[in-house]
Amino acid sequence: MGILSRLFKKKAPDRPAVRERNALSIQVGDIVEYDLVTYEVVGKITSRQGNYEWFDYQLVEGDTILWLSAEMDDELELGIYKKVPLSVSKPYPKELTYEGRKYFLDEQGEARVVGEGRSRNVNGATVHFADYYDEEEEHFLGLEGWGSEIEVSYGYEINTREIKIIAGSN
């Protein structure tokens, strides 16, 4: 019986091992757990300014859309953002007020972007960005100028221990 079972045994297809993910290697289709909610990564934007790059991941759960920002400066910096309705025009001002809190311009510049998933429509574009922090540097506003449209997002820093990443593919 041993010979027959070896002859007729189906060979399982070779499957590549799923790579472990970290905040700098998340892919569209992965799952991110944050604040007891499970989100699907449906978009990814890689921004480059010279040799420096950072990543923004669009997270969706039902009607909720968040953005997870990840960049390696001296250490890994993570932030959670959500679009907010705040009217801003160019040139970007030195300070902004949102929900009674003042924010001060920290830096601004331009970056080339690569978009994937739902963000593929910005692939190859240039974004004019600006970062603002409140006095305690606990909350921030991010501005992104896409042509004549300016998107404003409110955010705050998080720790790597606050997220769990589950690879959706290799």
C-alpha atoms as a PDB file:
ATOM      1  CA  MET A   1       0.000   0.000   0.000  1.00  0.00           C
ATOM      2  CA  GLY A   2       2.919   2.354   0.654  1.00  0.00           C
ATOM      3  CA  ILE A   3       4.065   2.276  -2.989  1.00  0.00           C
ATOM      4  CA  LEU A   4       0.563   2.952  -4.362  1.00  0.00           C
ATOM      5  CA  SER A   5      -0.069   5.818  -1.964  1.00  0.00           C
ATOM      6  CA  ARG A   6       3.222   7.430  -3.024  1.00  0.00           C
ATOM      7  CA  LEU A   7       2.356   7.004  -6.707  1.00  0.00           C
ATOM      8  CA  PHE A   8      -1.081   8.560  -6.432  1.00  0.00           C
ATOM      9  CA  LYS A   9      -0.312  11.153  -3.816  1.00  0.00           C
ATOM     10  CA  LYS A  10      -0.819  14.664  -5.114  1.00  0.00           C
ATOM     11  CA  LYS A  11       2.119  16.941  -4.679  1.00  0.00           C
ATOM     12  CA  ALA A  12       1.245  20.223  -2.996  1.00  0.00           C
ATOM     13  CA  PRO A  13       2.210  23.252  -5.073  1.00  0.00           C
ATOM     14  CA  ASP A  14       5.243  25.138  -3.848  1.00  0.00           C
ATOM     15  CA  ARG A  15       4.139  28.341  -2.199  1.00  0.00           C
ATOM     16  CA  PRO A  16       6.552  31.115  -1.464  1.00  0.00           C
ATOM     17  CA  ALA A  17       6.781  32.045   2.184  1.00  0.00           C
ATOM     18  CA  VAL A  18       4.840  35.144   3.177  1.00  0.00           C
ATOM     19  CA  ARG A  19       7.274  37.873   4.126  1.00  0.00           C
ATOM     20  CA  GLU A  20       7.022  39.484   7.507  1.00  0.00           C
ATOM     21  CA  ARG A  21       5.813  43.072   7.301  1.00  0.00           C
ATOM     22  CA  ASN A  22       6.867  46.177   9.156  1.00  0.00           C
ATOM     23  CA  ALA A  23       5.620  49.757   8.938  1.00  0.00           C
ATOM     24  CA  LEU A  24       7.990  50.499   6.049  1.00  0.00           C
ATOM     25  CA  SER A  25       7.039  47.457   3.948  1.00  0.00           C
ATOM     26  CA  ILE A  26       3.222  47.374   4.125  1.00  0.00           C
ATOM     27  CA  GLN A  27       1.565  46.471   0.819  1.00  0.00           C
ATOM     28  CA  VAL A  28      -1.876  47.068  -0.682  1.00  0.00           C
ATOM     29  CA  GLY A  29      -4.038  44.122   0.440  1.00  0.00           C
ATOM     30  CA  ASP A  30      -2.405  43.808   3.861  1.00  0.00           C
ATOM     31  CA  ILE A  31      -4.382  44.140   7.079  1.00  0.00           C
ATOM     32  CA  VAL A  32      -3.519  46.647   9.813  1.00  0.00           C
ATOM     33  CA  GLU A  33      -5.019  46.392  13.281  1.00  0.00           C
ATOM     34  CA  TYR A  34      -5.103  49.687  15.172  1.00  0.00           C
ATOM     35  CA  ASP A  35      -7.115  50.794  18.206  1.00  0.00           C
ATOM     36  CA  LEU A  36      -9.070  47.493  18.280  1.00  0.00           C
ATOM     37  CA  VAL A  37     -10.223  47.929  14.658  1.00  0.00           C
ATOM     38  CA  THR A  38      -9.126  45.836  11.672  1.00  0.00           C
ATOM     39  CA  TYR A  39      -8.420  47.859   8.512  1.00  0.00           C
ATOM     40  CA  GLU A  40      -7.605  46.796   4.971  1.00  0.00           C
ATOM     41  CA  VAL A  41      -4.768  48.628   3.207  1.00  0.00           C
ATOM     42  CA  VAL A  42      -6.380  49.800  -0.045  1.00  0.00           C
ATOM     43  CA  GLY A  43      -3.882  52.450  -1.139  1.00  0.00           C
ATOM     44  CA  LYS A  44      -0.221  53.325  -0.735  1.00  0.00           C
ATOM     45  CA  ILE A  45       1.645  56.506  -1.582  1.00  0.00           C
ATOM     46  CA  THR A  46       5.442  56.554  -1.582  1.00  0.00           C
ATOM     47  CA  SER A  47       6.765  60.134  -1.479  1.00  0.00           C
ATOM     48  CA  ARG A  48      10.344  61.007  -2.395  1.00  0.00           C
ATOM     49  CA  GLN A  49      12.210  64.241  -1.853  1.00  0.00           C
ATOM     50  CA  GLY A  50      15.794  63.790  -3.011  1.00  0.00           C
ATOM     51  CA  ASN A  51      17.066  60.606  -1.319  1.00  0.00           C
ATOM     52  CA  TYR A  52      14.480  60.780   1.477  1.00  0.00           C
ATOM     53  CA  GLU A  53      11.242  58.820   1.270  1.00  0.00           C
ATOM     54  CA  TRP A  54       8.160  58.208   3.384  1.00  0.00           C
ATOM     55  CA  PHE A  55       4.994  56.153   3.059  1.00  0.00           C
ATOM     56  CA  ASP A  56       1.294  56.828   3.520  1.00  0.00           C
ATOM     57  CA  TYR A  57      -1.102  53.891   3.654  1.00  0.00           C
ATOM     58  CA  GLN A  58      -4.853  54.294   3.122  1.00  0.00           C
ATOM     59  CA  LEU A  59      -6.676  52.166   5.703  1.00  0.00           C
ATOM     60  CA  VAL A  60     -10.380  51.345   5.282  1.00  0.00           C
ATOM     61  CA  GLU A  61     -12.915  49.682   7.555  1.00  0.00           C
ATOM     62  CA  GLY A  62     -16.519  50.165   6.501  1.00  0.00           C
ATOM     63  CA  ASP A  63     -17.050  53.918   6.035  1.00  0.00           C
ATOM     64  CA  THR A  64     -13.966  54.825   8.096  1.00  0.00           C
ATOM     65  CA  ILE A  65     -10.854  55.951   6.214  1.00  0.00           C
ATOM     66  CA  LEU A  66      -7.585  56.612   8.039  1.00  0.00           C
ATOM     67  CA  TRP A  67      -4.061  57.170   6.784  1.00  0.00           C
ATOM     68  CA  LEU A  68      -1.043  55.584   8.426  1.00  0.00           C
ATOM     69  CA  SER A  69       2.149  57.549   7.800  1.00  0.00           C
ATOM     70  CA  ALA A  70       5.560  55.913   8.233  1.00  0.00           C
ATOM     71  CA  GLU A  71       9.021  57.355   7.821  1.00  0.00           C
ATOM     72  CA  MET A  72      12.501  56.529   9.013  1.00  0.00           C
ATOM     73  CA  ASP A  73      14.233  59.639  10.253  1.00  0.00           C
ATOM     74  CA  ASP A  74      16.656  59.118  13.145  1.00  0.00           C
ATOM     75  CA  GLU A  75      14.101  56.543  14.275  1.00  0.00           C
ATOM     76  CA  LEU A  76      10.828  55.172  12.943  1.00  0.00           C
ATOM     77  CA  GLU A  77       8.053  57.777  13.075  1.00  0.00           C
ATOM     78  CA  LEU A  78       4.414  56.711  12.734  1.00  0.00           C
ATOM     79  CA  GLY A  79       1.295  58.826  12.605  1.00  0.00           C
ATOM     80  CA  ILE A  80      -2.425  58.380  12.093  1.00  0.00           C
ATOM     81  CA  TYR A  81      -4.191  60.985   9.939  1.00  0.00           C
ATOM     82  CA  LYS A  82      -7.758  61.716   8.959  1.00  0.00           C
ATOM     83  CA  LYS A  83      -8.898  64.256   6.342  1.00  0.00           C
ATOM     84  CA  VAL A  84     -10.558  67.314   7.839  1.00  0.00           C
ATOM     85  CA  PRO A  85     -12.548  70.177   6.302  1.00  0.00           C
ATOM     86  CA  LEU A  86     -10.227  73.178   6.599  1.00  0.00           C
ATOM     87  CA  SER A  87      -9.885  75.744   3.835  1.00  0.00           C
ATOM     88  CA  VAL A  88      -6.280  76.688   3.070  1.00  0.00           C
ATOM     89  CA  SER A  89      -4.774  78.470   0.082  1.00  0.00           C
ATOM     90  CA  LYS A  90      -1.272  78.925  -1.314  1.00  0.00           C
ATOM     91  CA  PRO A  91       1.143  80.203  -0.274  1.00  0.00           C
ATOM     92  CA  TYR A  92       0.790  78.122   2.884  1.00  0.00           C
ATOM     93  CA  PRO A  93       0.436  80.314   5.997  1.00  0.00           C
ATOM     94  CA  LYS A  94       2.888  80.340   8.932  1.00  0.00           C
ATOM     95  CA  GLU A  95       0.129  79.218  11.315  1.00  0.00           C
ATOM     96  CA  LEU A  96      -3.303  77.594  11.179  1.00  0.00           C
ATOM     97  CA  THR A  97      -6.143  77.135  13.651  1.00  0.00           C
ATOM     98  CA  TYR A  98      -8.176  73.951  13.749  1.00  0.00           C
ATOM     99  CA  GLU A  99     -10.795  73.154  16.417  1.00  0.00           C
ATOM    100  CA  GLY A 100      -9.518  75.971  18.633  1.00  0.00           C
ATOM    101  CA  ARG A 101      -5.895  74.815  18.591  1.00  0.00           C
ATOM    102  CA  LYS A 102      -3.070  76.734  16.897  1.00  0.00           C
ATOM    103  CA  TYR A 103      -0.633  74.938  14.618  1.00  0.00           C
ATOM    104  CA  PHE A 104       2.694  76.318  13.458  1.00  0.00           C
ATOM    105  CA  LEU A 105       4.463  75.606  10.159  1.00  0.00           C
ATOM    106  CA  ASP A 106       7.335  73.176  10.690  1.00  0.00           C
ATOM    107  CA  GLU A 107       8.405  72.406   7.125  1.00  0.00           C
ATOM    108  CA  GLN A 108       7.184  72.453   3.558  1.00  0.00           C
ATOM    109  CA  GLY A 109       8.433  71.268   0.205  1.00  0.00           C
ATOM    110  CA  GLU A 110       7.697  69.226  -2.880  1.00  0.00           C
ATOM    111  CA  ALA A 111       7.919  65.489  -3.388  1.00  0.00           C
ATOM    112  CA  ARG A 112       7.419  63.095  -6.292  1.00  0.00           C
ATOM    113  CA  VAL A 113       4.942  60.338  -5.529  1.00  0.00           C
ATOM    114  CA  VAL A 114       4.269  56.763  -6.559  1.00  0.00           C
ATOM    115  CA  GLY A 115       0.688  55.658  -5.989  1.00  0.00           C
ATOM    116  CA  GLU A 116      -0.606  52.100  -5.678  1.00  0.00           C
ATOM    117  CA  GLY A 117      -4.077  50.605  -5.230  1.00  0.00           C
ATOM    118  CA  ARG A 118      -6.739  53.292  -4.794  1.00  0.00           C
ATOM    119  CA  SER A 119      -3.928  55.865  -4.802  1.00  0.00           C
ATOM    120  CA  ARG A 120      -2.651  54.951  -8.269  1.00  0.00           C
ATOM    121  CA  ASN A 121      -4.310  58.074  -9.724  1.00  0.00           C
ATOM    122  CA  VAL A 122      -1.527  60.229  -8.173  1.00  0.00           C
ATOM    123  CA  ASN A 123       1.263  58.035  -9.569  1.00  0.00           C
ATOM    124  CA  GLY A 124       4.015  60.247 -11.021  1.00  0.00           C
ATOM    125  CA  ALA A 125       2.543  63.475  -9.603  1.00  0.00           C
ATOM    126  CA  THR A 126       4.313  66.130  -7.575  1.00  0.00           C
ATOM    127  CA  VAL A 127       2.768  67.098  -4.240  1.00  0.00           C
ATOM    128  CA  HIS A 128       3.446  70.390  -2.439  1.00  0.00           C
ATOM    129  CA  PHE A 129       3.282  69.456   1.240  1.00  0.00           C
ATOM    130  CA  ALA A 130       3.461  71.306   4.549  1.00  0.00           C
ATOM    131  CA  ASP A 131       3.622  70.005   8.121  1.00  0.00           C
ATOM    132  CA  TYR A 132       2.249  71.930  11.103  1.00  0.00           C
ATOM    133  CA  TYR A 133       2.550  71.097  14.821  1.00  0.00           C
ATOM    134  CA  ASP A 134       0.695  72.420  17.851  1.00  0.00           C
ATOM    135  CA  GLU A 135       2.637  73.977  20.763  1.00  0.00           C
ATOM    136  CA  GLU A 136       2.917  70.646  22.604  1.00  0.00           C
ATOM    137  CA  GLU A 137       3.963  68.869  19.371  1.00  0.00           C
ATOM    138  CA  GLU A 138       1.371  66.178  20.124  1.00  0.00           C
ATOM    139  CA  HIS A 139      -1.013  66.919  17.252  1.00  0.00           C
ATOM    140  CA  PHE A 140      -0.302  67.992  13.726  1.00  0.00           C
ATOM    141  CA  LEU A 141      -1.857  69.067  10.469  1.00  0.00           C
ATOM    142  CA  GLY A 142      -0.601  67.882   7.115  1.00  0.00           C
ATOM    143  CA  LEU A 143      -1.302  69.808   3.926  1.00  0.00           C
ATOM    144  CA  GLU A 144      -1.008  68.284   0.478  1.00  0.00           C
ATOM    145  CA  GLY A 145      -1.369  70.439  -2.593  1.00  0.00           C
ATOM    146  CA  TRP A 146      -2.374  68.382  -5.622  1.00  0.00           C
ATOM    147  CA  GLY A 147      -2.489  70.996  -8.384  1.00  0.00           C
ATOM    148  CA  SER A 148      -5.140  73.521  -7.335  1.00  0.00           C
ATOM    149  CA  GLU A 149      -6.673  71.217  -4.684  1.00  0.00           C
ATOM    150  CA  ILE A 150      -5.316  71.306  -1.120  1.00  0.00           C
ATOM    151  CA  GLU A 151      -6.150  68.443   1.238  1.00  0.00           C
ATOM    152  CA  VAL A 152      -5.802  68.939   4.994  1.00  0.00           C
ATOM    153  CA  SER A 153      -5.387  66.083   7.449  1.00  0.00           C
ATOM    154  CA  TYR A 154      -5.344  66.085  11.246  1.00  0.00           C
ATOM    155  CA  GLY A 155      -3.017  63.611  12.914  1.00  0.00           C
ATOM    156  CA  TYR A 156      -1.044  62.440  15.913  1.00  0.00           C
ATOM    157  CA  GLU A 157       1.921  60.179  16.530  1.00  0.00           C
ATOM    158  CA  ILE A 158       1.529  56.534  17.473  1.00  0.00           C
ATOM    159  CA  ASN A 159       3.929  53.854  18.648  1.00  0.00           C
ATOM    160  CA  THR A 160       4.796  50.727  16.665  1.00  0.00           C
ATOM    161  CA  ARG A 161       3.290  48.636  19.473  1.00  0.00           C
ATOM    162  CA  GLU A 162      -0.117  50.161  18.673  1.00  0.00           C
ATOM    163  CA  ILE A 163      -0.393  48.473  15.277  1.00  0.00           C
ATOM    164  CA  LYS A 164      -0.319  44.906  14.095  1.00  0.00           C
ATOM    165  CA  ILE A 165       0.368  44.153  10.436  1.00  0.00           C
ATOM    166  CA  ILE A 166      -0.887  41.001   8.750  1.00  0.00           C
ATOM    167  CA  ALA A 167       0.484  40.309   5.286  1.00  0.00           C
ATOM    168  CA  GLY A 168      -2.209  39.810   2.693  1.00  0.00           C
ATOM    169  CA  SER A 169       0.229  38.380   0.120  1.00  0.00           C
ATOM    170  CA  ASN A 170       3.930  37.704  -0.386  1.00  0.00           C
END
